[in-house]
Amino acid sequence: AAIYEKNLHNSKRAIQLFNDVLDLKPDQLEVFKAILAMLQAEKDFVGMEENYERMIERQRKLSPINTKFLAMLCKNLGDIRLRQFNNIQGAASAYQIASDLFPDKPEFHMYLAKLYAVNDDTLEKAIYENRQLLRLVPSSFEAVKQMAECHFRLNHIDEALNIYRVLAALGNDTPDGQKIIERYQPDEVPAIRFAFTDDQ
């Protein structure tokens, strides 16, 4: 593989042979880095995605699993899918594996909440991820606002209104939230008049 890479300048064949090495010894990080360096030099992002996928599968079969390394691989795969291909679902799938490995890491919940909020069919997942983020970072008003938006898009009007009203009371309301509060403001209840007799 080294000869094909450095002497024959045949990166395709070098990558094939390096992958053969990784199939036998998946812990060879330097070999994987060499593959990525060649693909990066050629701006072959499809190849990078494929090789990250192969490396993740290798790591998931190990016992014990190096969870930190596996999470890093999944995070990087998610970044490639999102930034190079705008693959929302694919990126979320990769980040989800990393989040399952490290459920107390706020950044993964933040990534997932934003990605799941893109499509209407994953709004419930977005709400869940924002709740997990608030569990870890209770002061995250951004997560609260996202939850309100997701509830409103799901037509959960009462839940959305409750959140928007709390945000408004705390001075963290948004223009959209204020409009929703005003739109669903109940009609003014007429004052109740009491009549008292002299005896009372």
N, C-alpha and C. Protein backbone atom coordinates (compact mmCIF):
# COMPACT_ATOMS: atom_id res chain seq x y z
N ALA A 1 0.83 -1.20 0.00
CA ALA A 1 0.00 0.00 0.00
C ALA A 1 0.87 1.25 0.00
N ALA A 2 1.92 1.26 0.80
CA ALA A 2 2.81 2.41 0.86
C ALA A 2 3.51 2.64 -0.47
N ILE A 3 3.89 1.56 -1.14
CA ILE A 3 4.56 1.69 -2.44
C ILE A 3 3.61 2.27 -3.48
N TYR A 4 2.37 1.76 -3.49
CA TYR A 4 1.40 2.28 -4.44
C TYR A 4 1.11 3.76 -4.17
N GLU A 5 1.12 4.13 -2.89
CA GLU A 5 0.81 5.53 -2.54
C GLU A 5 1.96 6.46 -2.90
N LYS A 6 3.18 6.13 -2.48
CA LYS A 6 4.29 7.08 -2.55
C LYS A 6 5.14 6.93 -3.82
N ASN A 7 5.27 5.71 -4.31
CA ASN A 7 6.15 5.49 -5.46
C ASN A 7 5.40 5.41 -6.79
N LEU A 8 4.25 4.76 -6.77
CA LEU A 8 3.49 4.58 -8.01
C LEU A 8 2.36 5.60 -8.16
N HIS A 9 2.11 6.35 -7.09
CA HIS A 9 1.07 7.39 -7.10
C HIS A 9 -0.27 6.86 -7.58
N ASN A 10 -0.57 5.67 -7.12
CA ASN A 10 -1.85 5.03 -7.43
C ASN A 10 -2.67 4.98 -6.15
N SER A 11 -3.36 6.06 -5.86
CA SER A 11 -4.08 6.17 -4.59
C SER A 11 -5.24 5.18 -4.51
N LYS A 12 -5.87 4.89 -5.64
CA LYS A 12 -7.01 3.96 -5.62
C LYS A 12 -6.57 2.59 -5.14
N ARG A 13 -5.47 2.09 -5.68
CA ARG A 13 -4.96 0.77 -5.27
C ARG A 13 -4.42 0.81 -3.85
N ALA A 14 -3.78 1.91 -3.49
CA ALA A 14 -3.26 2.05 -2.12
C ALA A 14 -4.40 1.99 -1.11
N ILE A 15 -5.50 2.67 -1.42
CA ILE A 15 -6.65 2.68 -0.51
C ILE A 15 -7.24 1.28 -0.38
N GLN A 16 -7.30 0.54 -1.49
CA GLN A 16 -7.81 -0.83 -1.43
C GLN A 16 -6.96 -1.69 -0.49
N LEU A 17 -5.66 -1.56 -0.61
CA LEU A 17 -4.76 -2.36 0.23
C LEU A 17 -4.80 -1.91 1.69
N PHE A 18 -4.87 -0.62 1.90
CA PHE A 18 -4.99 -0.12 3.28
C PHE A 18 -6.28 -0.64 3.93
N ASN A 19 -7.35 -0.72 3.14
CA ASN A 19 -8.60 -1.26 3.68
C ASN A 19 -8.47 -2.74 4.01
N ASP A 20 -7.67 -3.46 3.23
CA ASP A 20 -7.41 -4.87 3.56
C ASP A 20 -6.71 -4.98 4.92
N VAL A 21 -5.80 -4.04 5.17
CA VAL A 21 -5.11 -4.01 6.47
C VAL A 21 -6.12 -3.76 7.58
N LEU A 22 -7.00 -2.79 7.38
CA LEU A 22 -7.98 -2.45 8.41
C LEU A 22 -9.00 -3.57 8.64
N ASP A 23 -9.30 -4.33 7.60
CA ASP A 23 -10.19 -5.47 7.79
C ASP A 23 -9.56 -6.50 8.73
N LEU A 24 -8.23 -6.60 8.69
CA LEU A 24 -7.51 -7.54 9.55
C LEU A 24 -7.23 -6.95 10.93
N LYS A 25 -6.89 -5.64 10.94
CA LYS A 25 -6.55 -4.97 12.20
C LYS A 25 -7.24 -3.61 12.25
N PRO A 26 -8.49 -3.58 12.71
CA PRO A 26 -9.28 -2.34 12.69
C PRO A 26 -8.78 -1.25 13.62
N ASP A 27 -7.80 -1.57 14.47
CA ASP A 27 -7.30 -0.58 15.40
C ASP A 27 -6.14 0.25 14.84
N GLN A 28 -5.82 0.06 13.57
CA GLN A 28 -4.69 0.76 12.96
C GLN A 28 -5.13 2.18 12.54
N LEU A 29 -5.10 3.10 13.48
CA LEU A 29 -5.60 4.45 13.22
C LEU A 29 -4.76 5.17 12.17
N GLU A 30 -3.46 4.95 12.18
CA GLU A 30 -2.59 5.63 11.22
C GLU A 30 -2.91 5.21 9.78
N VAL A 31 -3.31 3.97 9.61
CA VAL A 31 -3.69 3.49 8.28
C VAL A 31 -4.95 4.21 7.81
N PHE A 32 -5.90 4.35 8.72
CA PHE A 32 -7.14 5.04 8.37
C PHE A 32 -6.87 6.51 8.05
N LYS A 33 -5.99 7.12 8.81
CA LYS A 33 -5.63 8.51 8.54
C LYS A 33 -4.99 8.66 7.16
N ALA A 34 -4.21 7.68 6.76
CA ALA A 34 -3.57 7.72 5.44
C ALA A 34 -4.62 7.66 4.33
N ILE A 35 -5.64 6.84 4.53
CA ILE A 35 -6.73 6.76 3.56
C ILE A 35 -7.44 8.10 3.44
N LEU A 36 -7.76 8.69 4.58
CA LEU A 36 -8.47 9.98 4.59
C LEU A 36 -7.63 11.07 3.94
N ALA A 37 -6.33 11.05 4.19
CA ALA A 37 -5.45 12.08 3.61
C ALA A 37 -5.45 12.01 2.08
N MET A 38 -5.43 10.81 1.54
CA MET A 38 -5.46 10.67 0.08
C MET A 38 -6.81 11.13 -0.49
N LEU A 39 -7.87 10.75 0.17
CA LEU A 39 -9.20 11.14 -0.30
C LEU A 39 -9.42 12.64 -0.17
N GLN A 40 -8.90 13.21 0.92
CA GLN A 40 -9.02 14.66 1.13
C GLN A 40 -8.25 15.41 0.05
N ALA A 41 -7.08 14.93 -0.29
CA ALA A 41 -6.27 15.60 -1.32
C ALA A 41 -6.98 15.60 -2.67
N GLU A 42 -7.76 14.57 -2.91
CA GLU A 42 -8.50 14.46 -4.18
C GLU A 42 -9.90 15.06 -4.09
N LYS A 43 -10.24 15.56 -2.89
CA LYS A 43 -11.59 16.09 -2.62
C LYS A 43 -12.67 15.05 -2.98
N ASP A 44 -12.34 13.80 -2.67
CA ASP A 44 -13.26 12.70 -2.93
C ASP A 44 -14.13 12.48 -1.68
N PHE A 45 -15.18 13.29 -1.55
CA PHE A 45 -16.01 13.23 -0.35
C PHE A 45 -16.90 11.99 -0.35
N VAL A 46 -17.26 11.51 -1.53
CA VAL A 46 -18.01 10.25 -1.59
C VAL A 46 -17.15 9.11 -1.04
N GLY A 47 -15.88 9.09 -1.45
CA GLY A 47 -14.96 8.09 -0.94
C GLY A 47 -14.76 8.22 0.56
N MET A 48 -14.69 9.45 1.06
CA MET A 48 -14.54 9.65 2.51
C MET A 48 -15.75 9.12 3.26
N GLU A 49 -16.94 9.40 2.73
CA GLU A 49 -18.15 8.90 3.37
C GLU A 49 -18.14 7.37 3.42
N GLU A 50 -17.82 6.75 2.29
CA GLU A 50 -17.80 5.28 2.22
C GLU A 50 -16.78 4.68 3.18
N ASN A 51 -15.61 5.29 3.28
CA ASN A 51 -14.57 4.75 4.16
C ASN A 51 -14.90 4.97 5.63
N TYR A 52 -15.55 6.08 5.96
CA TYR A 52 -16.03 6.26 7.34
C TYR A 52 -17.06 5.20 7.67
N GLU A 53 -17.96 4.92 6.75
CA GLU A 53 -18.98 3.90 6.98
C GLU A 53 -18.33 2.53 7.22
N ARG A 54 -17.34 2.19 6.41
CA ARG A 54 -16.64 0.90 6.58
C ARG A 54 -15.93 0.83 7.92
N MET A 55 -15.29 1.94 8.31
CA MET A 55 -14.54 1.95 9.56
C MET A 55 -15.50 1.85 10.76
N ILE A 56 -16.65 2.49 10.66
CA ILE A 56 -17.64 2.42 11.73
C ILE A 56 -18.13 0.99 11.90
N GLU A 57 -18.40 0.32 10.78
CA GLU A 57 -18.85 -1.07 10.86
C GLU A 57 -17.78 -1.96 11.50
N ARG A 58 -16.53 -1.70 11.17
CA ARG A 58 -15.45 -2.49 11.79
C ARG A 58 -15.42 -2.28 13.30
N GLN A 59 -15.53 -1.02 13.71
CA GLN A 59 -15.45 -0.70 15.13
C GLN A 59 -16.62 -1.27 15.91
N ARG A 60 -17.80 -1.31 15.30
CA ARG A 60 -18.99 -1.80 16.00
C ARG A 60 -18.93 -3.31 16.23
N LYS A 61 -18.08 -4.00 15.48
CA LYS A 61 -17.95 -5.45 15.62
C LYS A 61 -16.89 -5.84 16.66
N LEU A 62 -16.13 -4.86 17.13
CA LEU A 62 -15.07 -5.16 18.10
C LEU A 62 -15.65 -5.40 19.48
N SER A 63 -14.93 -6.14 20.28
CA SER A 63 -15.31 -6.36 21.67
C SER A 63 -14.05 -6.33 22.54
N PRO A 64 -13.92 -5.36 23.43
CA PRO A 64 -14.89 -4.28 23.69
C PRO A 64 -14.80 -3.18 22.62
N ILE A 65 -15.86 -2.41 22.53
CA ILE A 65 -15.91 -1.31 21.58
C ILE A 65 -15.20 -0.09 22.16
N ASN A 66 -14.40 0.55 21.35
CA ASN A 66 -13.78 1.81 21.74
C ASN A 66 -14.82 2.90 21.50
N THR A 67 -15.63 3.18 22.51
CA THR A 67 -16.79 4.06 22.33
C THR A 67 -16.37 5.49 21.95
N LYS A 68 -15.29 5.96 22.51
CA LYS A 68 -14.84 7.31 22.21
C LYS A 68 -14.45 7.45 20.74
N PHE A 69 -13.71 6.48 20.23
CA PHE A 69 -13.29 6.49 18.83
C PHE A 69 -14.49 6.32 17.90
N LEU A 70 -15.39 5.42 18.27
CA LEU A 70 -16.58 5.19 17.44
C LEU A 70 -17.44 6.45 17.38
N ALA A 71 -17.60 7.12 18.51
CA ALA A 71 -18.39 8.36 18.52
C ALA A 71 -17.75 9.43 17.65
N MET A 72 -16.42 9.50 17.68
CA MET A 72 -15.72 10.48 16.85
C MET A 72 -15.93 10.18 15.37
N LEU A 73 -15.85 8.90 15.00
CA LEU A 73 -16.08 8.50 13.61
C LEU A 73 -17.49 8.89 13.16
N CYS A 74 -18.47 8.61 14.00
CA CYS A 74 -19.86 8.92 13.66
C CYS A 74 -20.09 10.42 13.55
N LYS A 75 -19.46 11.18 14.44
CA LYS A 75 -19.59 12.64 14.39
C LYS A 75 -19.00 13.17 13.09
N ASN A 76 -17.83 12.68 12.72
CA ASN A 76 -17.19 13.13 11.48
C ASN A 76 -18.00 12.72 10.26
N LEU A 77 -18.57 11.52 10.29
CA LEU A 77 -19.42 11.08 9.18
C LEU A 77 -20.64 11.99 9.06
N GLY A 78 -21.23 12.33 10.20
CA GLY A 78 -22.38 13.24 10.18
C GLY A 78 -22.01 14.59 9.60
N ASP A 79 -20.83 15.09 9.97
CA ASP A 79 -20.37 16.37 9.43
C ASP A 79 -20.22 16.32 7.91
N ILE A 80 -19.64 15.24 7.39
CA ILE A 80 -19.46 15.10 5.94
C ILE A 80 -20.81 15.05 5.24
N ARG A 81 -21.70 14.25 5.75
CA ARG A 81 -23.02 14.12 5.12
C ARG A 81 -23.77 15.44 5.12
N LEU A 82 -23.62 16.19 6.19
CA LEU A 82 -24.36 17.45 6.29
C LEU A 82 -23.73 18.55 5.44
N ARG A 83 -22.42 18.72 5.56
CA ARG A 83 -21.76 19.85 4.91
C ARG A 83 -21.49 19.62 3.43
N GLN A 84 -21.19 18.39 3.06
CA GLN A 84 -20.84 18.12 1.66
C GLN A 84 -22.03 17.70 0.82
N PHE A 85 -23.02 17.04 1.44
CA PHE A 85 -24.13 16.51 0.66
C PHE A 85 -25.50 17.04 1.11
N ASN A 86 -25.51 17.83 2.18
CA ASN A 86 -26.78 18.32 2.74
C ASN A 86 -27.76 17.17 2.98
N ASN A 87 -27.22 16.06 3.43
CA ASN A 87 -28.01 14.87 3.69
C ASN A 87 -28.47 14.91 5.15
N ILE A 88 -29.65 15.51 5.37
CA ILE A 88 -30.15 15.72 6.72
C ILE A 88 -30.39 14.40 7.45
N GLN A 89 -31.09 13.49 6.79
CA GLN A 89 -31.42 12.22 7.41
C GLN A 89 -30.17 11.39 7.69
N GLY A 90 -29.25 11.37 6.72
CA GLY A 90 -28.01 10.61 6.90
C GLY A 90 -27.16 11.17 8.01
N ALA A 91 -27.08 12.49 8.09
CA ALA A 91 -26.30 13.12 9.16
C ALA A 91 -26.91 12.81 10.53
N ALA A 92 -28.24 12.90 10.61
CA ALA A 92 -28.92 12.61 11.88
C ALA A 92 -28.68 11.17 12.31
N SER A 93 -28.68 10.25 11.34
CA SER A 93 -28.44 8.84 11.66
C SER A 93 -27.05 8.64 12.27
N ALA A 94 -26.06 9.33 11.73
CA ALA A 94 -24.70 9.21 12.25
C ALA A 94 -24.58 9.86 13.64
N TYR A 95 -25.14 11.05 13.78
CA TYR A 95 -25.09 11.74 15.08
C TYR A 95 -25.85 10.94 16.15
N GLN A 96 -26.91 10.25 15.73
CA GLN A 96 -27.71 9.49 16.69
C GLN A 96 -26.89 8.38 17.32
N ILE A 97 -26.06 7.71 16.51
CA ILE A 97 -25.20 6.66 17.06
C ILE A 97 -24.25 7.24 18.11
N ALA A 98 -23.67 8.40 17.77
CA ALA A 98 -22.75 9.05 18.71
C ALA A 98 -23.48 9.46 19.99
N SER A 99 -24.69 9.97 19.83
CA SER A 99 -25.47 10.40 21.00
C SER A 99 -25.85 9.22 21.89
N ASP A 100 -26.19 8.10 21.26
CA ASP A 100 -26.53 6.90 22.05
C ASP A 100 -25.33 6.40 22.84
N LEU A 101 -24.13 6.60 22.30
CA LEU A 101 -22.91 6.20 23.01
C LEU A 101 -22.60 7.13 24.16
N PHE A 102 -22.89 8.42 23.98
CA PHE A 102 -22.61 9.44 25.01
C PHE A 102 -23.86 10.30 25.22
N PRO A 103 -24.88 9.75 25.91
CA PRO A 103 -26.15 10.46 26.08
C PRO A 103 -26.07 11.74 26.92
N ASP A 104 -24.97 11.93 27.63
CA ASP A 104 -24.82 13.14 28.44
C ASP A 104 -23.97 14.20 27.77
N LYS A 105 -23.76 14.08 26.48
CA LYS A 105 -22.99 15.06 25.73
C LYS A 105 -23.97 16.01 25.04
N PRO A 106 -24.05 17.27 25.49
CA PRO A 106 -25.07 18.19 24.96
C PRO A 106 -24.98 18.45 23.47
N GLU A 107 -23.77 18.48 22.91
CA GLU A 107 -23.63 18.87 21.51
C GLU A 107 -24.35 17.93 20.57
N PHE A 108 -24.39 16.64 20.89
CA PHE A 108 -25.08 15.70 20.01
C PHE A 108 -26.59 15.93 20.03
N HIS A 109 -27.13 16.22 21.21
CA HIS A 109 -28.57 16.51 21.31
C HIS A 109 -28.90 17.81 20.56
N MET A 110 -27.99 18.77 20.61
CA MET A 110 -28.20 20.03 19.90
C MET A 110 -28.23 19.80 18.39
N TYR A 111 -27.25 19.03 17.88
CA TYR A 111 -27.24 18.70 16.45
C TYR A 111 -28.54 18.01 16.04
N LEU A 112 -28.92 16.99 16.82
CA LEU A 112 -30.08 16.19 16.47
C LEU A 112 -31.38 17.00 16.53
N ALA A 113 -31.48 17.86 17.53
CA ALA A 113 -32.69 18.68 17.65
C ALA A 113 -32.88 19.56 16.42
N LYS A 114 -31.82 20.15 15.95
CA LYS A 114 -31.91 21.03 14.78
C LYS A 114 -32.22 20.24 13.51
N LEU A 115 -31.59 19.08 13.36
CA LEU A 115 -31.81 18.28 12.16
C LEU A 115 -33.21 17.68 12.14
N TYR A 116 -33.66 17.17 13.29
CA TYR A 116 -35.00 16.58 13.33
C TYR A 116 -36.09 17.63 13.16
N ALA A 117 -35.77 18.89 13.45
CA ALA A 117 -36.77 19.96 13.30
C ALA A 117 -36.96 20.39 11.84
N VAL A 118 -36.10 19.91 10.95
CA VAL A 118 -36.20 20.32 9.54
C VAL A 118 -37.45 19.74 8.89
N ASN A 119 -37.74 18.48 9.17
CA ASN A 119 -38.87 17.80 8.53
C ASN A 119 -40.01 17.57 9.51
N ASP A 120 -41.23 17.73 9.03
CA ASP A 120 -42.40 17.60 9.90
C ASP A 120 -42.54 16.20 10.50
N ASP A 121 -42.09 15.17 9.78
CA ASP A 121 -42.27 13.81 10.27
C ASP A 121 -41.30 13.43 11.38
N THR A 122 -40.35 14.30 11.71
CA THR A 122 -39.43 14.00 12.82
C THR A 122 -39.50 15.07 13.92
N LEU A 123 -40.60 15.81 13.95
CA LEU A 123 -40.72 16.87 14.95
C LEU A 123 -40.79 16.31 16.38
N GLU A 124 -41.43 15.17 16.54
CA GLU A 124 -41.50 14.57 17.88
C GLU A 124 -40.09 14.23 18.38
N LYS A 125 -39.25 13.76 17.48
CA LYS A 125 -37.86 13.47 17.85
C LYS A 125 -37.12 14.76 18.21
N ALA A 126 -37.43 15.84 17.50
CA ALA A 126 -36.80 17.13 17.80
C ALA A 126 -37.18 17.59 19.21
N ILE A 127 -38.44 17.40 19.56
CA ILE A 127 -38.89 17.78 20.91
C ILE A 127 -38.15 16.94 21.96
N TYR A 128 -38.03 15.65 21.70
CA TYR A 128 -37.32 14.78 22.64
C TYR A 128 -35.86 15.22 22.82
N GLU A 129 -35.19 15.53 21.71
CA GLU A 129 -33.79 15.92 21.79
C GLU A 129 -33.64 17.25 22.52
N ASN A 130 -34.57 18.17 22.33
CA ASN A 130 -34.51 19.43 23.06
C ASN A 130 -34.74 19.22 24.56
N ARG A 131 -35.59 18.27 24.90
CA ARG A 131 -35.78 17.94 26.32
C ARG A 131 -34.51 17.38 26.92
N GLN A 132 -33.84 16.52 26.16
CA GLN A 132 -32.57 15.96 26.64
C GLN A 132 -31.52 17.06 26.80
N LEU A 133 -31.53 18.01 25.87
CA LEU A 133 -30.58 19.11 25.97
C LEU A 133 -30.87 19.96 27.21
N LEU A 134 -32.15 20.19 27.50
CA LEU A 134 -32.51 20.96 28.69
C LEU A 134 -32.18 20.21 29.98
N ARG A 135 -32.22 18.89 29.91
CA ARG A 135 -31.81 18.09 31.06
C ARG A 135 -30.36 18.36 31.42
N LEU A 136 -29.55 18.56 30.38
CA LEU A 136 -28.12 18.77 30.58
C LEU A 136 -27.76 20.24 30.71
N VAL A 137 -28.50 21.09 30.01
CA VAL A 137 -28.24 22.54 30.03
C VAL A 137 -29.57 23.26 30.30
N PRO A 138 -30.00 23.32 31.55
CA PRO A 138 -31.32 23.89 31.86
C PRO A 138 -31.50 25.35 31.45
N SER A 139 -30.41 26.06 31.24
CA SER A 139 -30.50 27.49 30.89
C SER A 139 -30.61 27.73 29.39
N SER A 140 -30.75 26.68 28.59
CA SER A 140 -30.78 26.83 27.13
C SER A 140 -32.16 27.29 26.67
N PHE A 141 -32.32 28.61 26.57
CA PHE A 141 -33.59 29.16 26.09
C PHE A 141 -33.81 28.79 24.62
N GLU A 142 -32.73 28.59 23.87
CA GLU A 142 -32.86 28.22 22.47
C GLU A 142 -33.59 26.88 22.33
N ALA A 143 -33.26 25.94 23.22
CA ALA A 143 -33.94 24.64 23.19
C ALA A 143 -35.42 24.79 23.53
N VAL A 144 -35.72 25.67 24.47
CA VAL A 144 -37.13 25.91 24.84
C VAL A 144 -37.89 26.51 23.66
N LYS A 145 -37.28 27.47 22.99
CA LYS A 145 -37.92 28.09 21.82
C LYS A 145 -38.15 27.07 20.72
N GLN A 146 -37.18 26.20 20.48
CA GLN A 146 -37.34 25.18 19.46
C GLN A 146 -38.47 24.22 19.81
N MET A 147 -38.59 23.89 21.09
CA MET A 147 -39.69 23.02 21.51
C MET A 147 -41.03 23.66 21.22
N ALA A 148 -41.14 24.95 21.52
CA ALA A 148 -42.40 25.66 21.27
C ALA A 148 -42.74 25.65 19.78
N GLU A 149 -41.73 25.91 18.94
CA GLU A 149 -41.94 25.92 17.49
C GLU A 149 -42.40 24.55 17.00
N CYS A 150 -41.76 23.50 17.51
CA CYS A 150 -42.13 22.14 17.08
C CYS A 150 -43.56 21.80 17.50
N HIS A 151 -43.91 22.15 18.74
CA HIS A 151 -45.28 21.90 19.20
C HIS A 151 -46.30 22.64 18.33
N PHE A 152 -45.99 23.87 17.98
CA PHE A 152 -46.92 24.64 17.15
C PHE A 152 -47.08 24.01 15.76
N ARG A 153 -45.96 23.58 15.19
CA ARG A 153 -46.03 22.95 13.86
C ARG A 153 -46.78 21.63 13.91
N LEU A 154 -46.79 20.97 15.07
CA LEU A 154 -47.54 19.74 15.24
C LEU A 154 -49.00 20.01 15.62
N ASN A 155 -49.35 21.28 15.67
CA ASN A 155 -50.70 21.70 16.06
C ASN A 155 -51.00 21.40 17.53
N HIS A 156 -49.95 21.33 18.33
CA HIS A 156 -50.10 21.22 19.79
C HIS A 156 -50.19 22.64 20.35
N ILE A 157 -51.33 23.26 20.13
CA ILE A 157 -51.45 24.68 20.42
C ILE A 157 -51.28 24.98 21.91
N ASP A 158 -51.92 24.20 22.77
CA ASP A 158 -51.83 24.46 24.21
C ASP A 158 -50.39 24.37 24.70
N GLU A 159 -49.67 23.33 24.25
CA GLU A 159 -48.28 23.17 24.69
C GLU A 159 -47.43 24.34 24.20
N ALA A 160 -47.63 24.72 22.94
CA ALA A 160 -46.85 25.83 22.38
C ALA A 160 -47.16 27.13 23.13
N LEU A 161 -48.44 27.40 23.38
CA LEU A 161 -48.82 28.63 24.08
C LEU A 161 -48.23 28.69 25.48
N ASN A 162 -48.28 27.57 26.19
CA ASN A 162 -47.72 27.55 27.55
C ASN A 162 -46.24 27.92 27.54
N ILE A 163 -45.51 27.35 26.58
CA ILE A 163 -44.08 27.63 26.51
C ILE A 163 -43.83 29.08 26.12
N TYR A 164 -44.54 29.56 25.12
CA TYR A 164 -44.35 30.95 24.68
C TYR A 164 -44.70 31.94 25.79
N ARG A 165 -45.73 31.64 26.57
CA ARG A 165 -46.11 32.54 27.67
C ARG A 165 -45.05 32.57 28.76
N VAL A 166 -44.47 31.40 29.04
CA VAL A 166 -43.38 31.35 30.03
C VAL A 166 -42.18 32.16 29.53
N LEU A 167 -41.84 31.98 28.25
CA LEU A 167 -40.72 32.74 27.68
C LEU A 167 -40.99 34.24 27.75
N ALA A 168 -42.22 34.63 27.45
CA ALA A 168 -42.57 36.06 27.50
C ALA A 168 -42.44 36.59 28.92
N ALA A 169 -42.89 35.80 29.90
CA ALA A 169 -42.80 36.23 31.30
C ALA A 169 -41.35 36.37 31.75
N LEU A 170 -40.46 35.58 31.14
CA LEU A 170 -39.04 35.64 31.50
C LEU A 170 -38.27 36.64 30.65
N GLY A 171 -38.97 37.32 29.73
CA GLY A 171 -38.31 38.31 28.88
C GLY A 171 -37.52 37.70 27.75
N ASN A 172 -37.86 36.47 27.36
CA ASN A 172 -37.14 35.80 26.28
C ASN A 172 -38.07 35.40 25.14
N ASP A 173 -39.14 36.17 24.97
CA ASP A 173 -40.07 35.84 23.90
C ASP A 173 -39.50 36.21 22.54
N THR A 174 -40.10 35.67 21.51
CA THR A 174 -39.69 35.93 20.14
C THR A 174 -40.84 36.62 19.41
N PRO A 175 -40.56 37.31 18.31
CA PRO A 175 -41.64 37.94 17.55
C PRO A 175 -42.71 36.94 17.13
N ASP A 176 -42.29 35.77 16.67
CA ASP A 176 -43.26 34.74 16.27
C ASP A 176 -44.07 34.27 17.46
N GLY A 177 -43.38 34.08 18.58
CA GLY A 177 -44.08 33.64 19.79
C GLY A 177 -45.09 34.67 20.26
N GLN A 178 -44.73 35.95 20.17
CA GLN A 178 -45.65 37.01 20.58
C GLN A 178 -46.88 37.03 19.69
N LYS A 179 -46.67 36.83 18.39
CA LYS A 179 -47.81 36.80 17.46
C LYS A 179 -48.75 35.65 17.77
N ILE A 180 -48.18 34.51 18.12
CA ILE A 180 -49.01 33.34 18.45
C ILE A 180 -49.79 33.58 19.73
N ILE A 181 -49.14 34.20 20.71
CA ILE A 181 -49.84 34.52 21.96
C ILE A 181 -51.01 35.45 21.68
N GLU A 182 -50.78 36.47 20.88
CA GLU A 182 -51.85 37.43 20.56
C GLU A 182 -52.95 36.77 19.73
N ARG A 183 -52.56 35.89 18.84
CA ARG A 183 -53.55 35.23 17.97
C ARG A 183 -54.50 34.35 18.76
N TYR A 184 -53.97 33.67 19.77
CA TYR A 184 -54.79 32.74 20.54
C TYR A 184 -55.18 33.30 21.91
N GLN A 185 -55.06 34.61 22.05
CA GLN A 185 -55.46 35.25 23.30
C GLN A 185 -56.96 35.07 23.48
N PRO A 186 -57.41 34.56 24.61
CA PRO A 186 -58.85 34.37 24.80
C PRO A 186 -59.57 35.72 24.87
N ASP A 187 -60.82 35.70 24.43
CA ASP A 187 -61.62 36.93 24.52
C ASP A 187 -61.74 37.36 25.97
N GLU A 188 -61.84 38.65 26.14
CA GLU A 188 -61.92 39.20 27.51
C GLU A 188 -63.18 38.71 28.18
N VAL A 189 -63.02 38.18 29.38
CA VAL A 189 -64.17 37.68 30.14
C VAL A 189 -64.86 38.86 30.80
N PRO A 190 -66.16 39.02 30.57
CA PRO A 190 -66.86 40.17 31.18
C PRO A 190 -66.82 40.08 32.70
N ALA A 191 -66.73 41.24 33.32
CA ALA A 191 -66.68 41.29 34.79
C ALA A 191 -68.00 40.81 35.37
N ILE A 192 -67.89 40.06 36.45
CA ILE A 192 -69.09 39.55 37.12
C ILE A 192 -69.59 40.60 38.10
N ARG A 193 -70.85 40.94 37.97
CA ARG A 193 -71.42 41.96 38.86
C ARG A 193 -72.22 41.27 39.96
N PHE A 194 -71.97 41.73 41.15
CA PHE A 194 -72.68 41.18 42.30
C PHE A 194 -73.69 42.19 42.81
N ALA A 195 -74.86 41.69 43.11
CA ALA A 195 -75.90 42.56 43.71
C ALA A 195 -76.08 42.17 45.17
N PHE A 196 -76.00 43.14 46.02
CA PHE A 196 -76.15 42.87 47.46
C PHE A 196 -77.38 43.57 48.00
N THR A 197 -78.08 42.90 48.91
CA THR A 197 -79.23 43.52 49.55
C THR A 197 -78.76 44.22 50.81
N ASP A 198 -79.62 44.99 51.40
CA ASP A 198 -79.25 45.70 52.62
C ASP A 198 -78.89 44.74 53.74
N ASP A 199 -79.58 43.58 53.72
CA ASP A 199 -79.31 42.61 54.78
C ASP A 199 -77.89 42.06 54.67
N GLN A 200 -77.40 42.00 53.45
CA GLN A 200 -76.06 41.46 53.27
C GLN A 200 -75.00 42.52 53.51
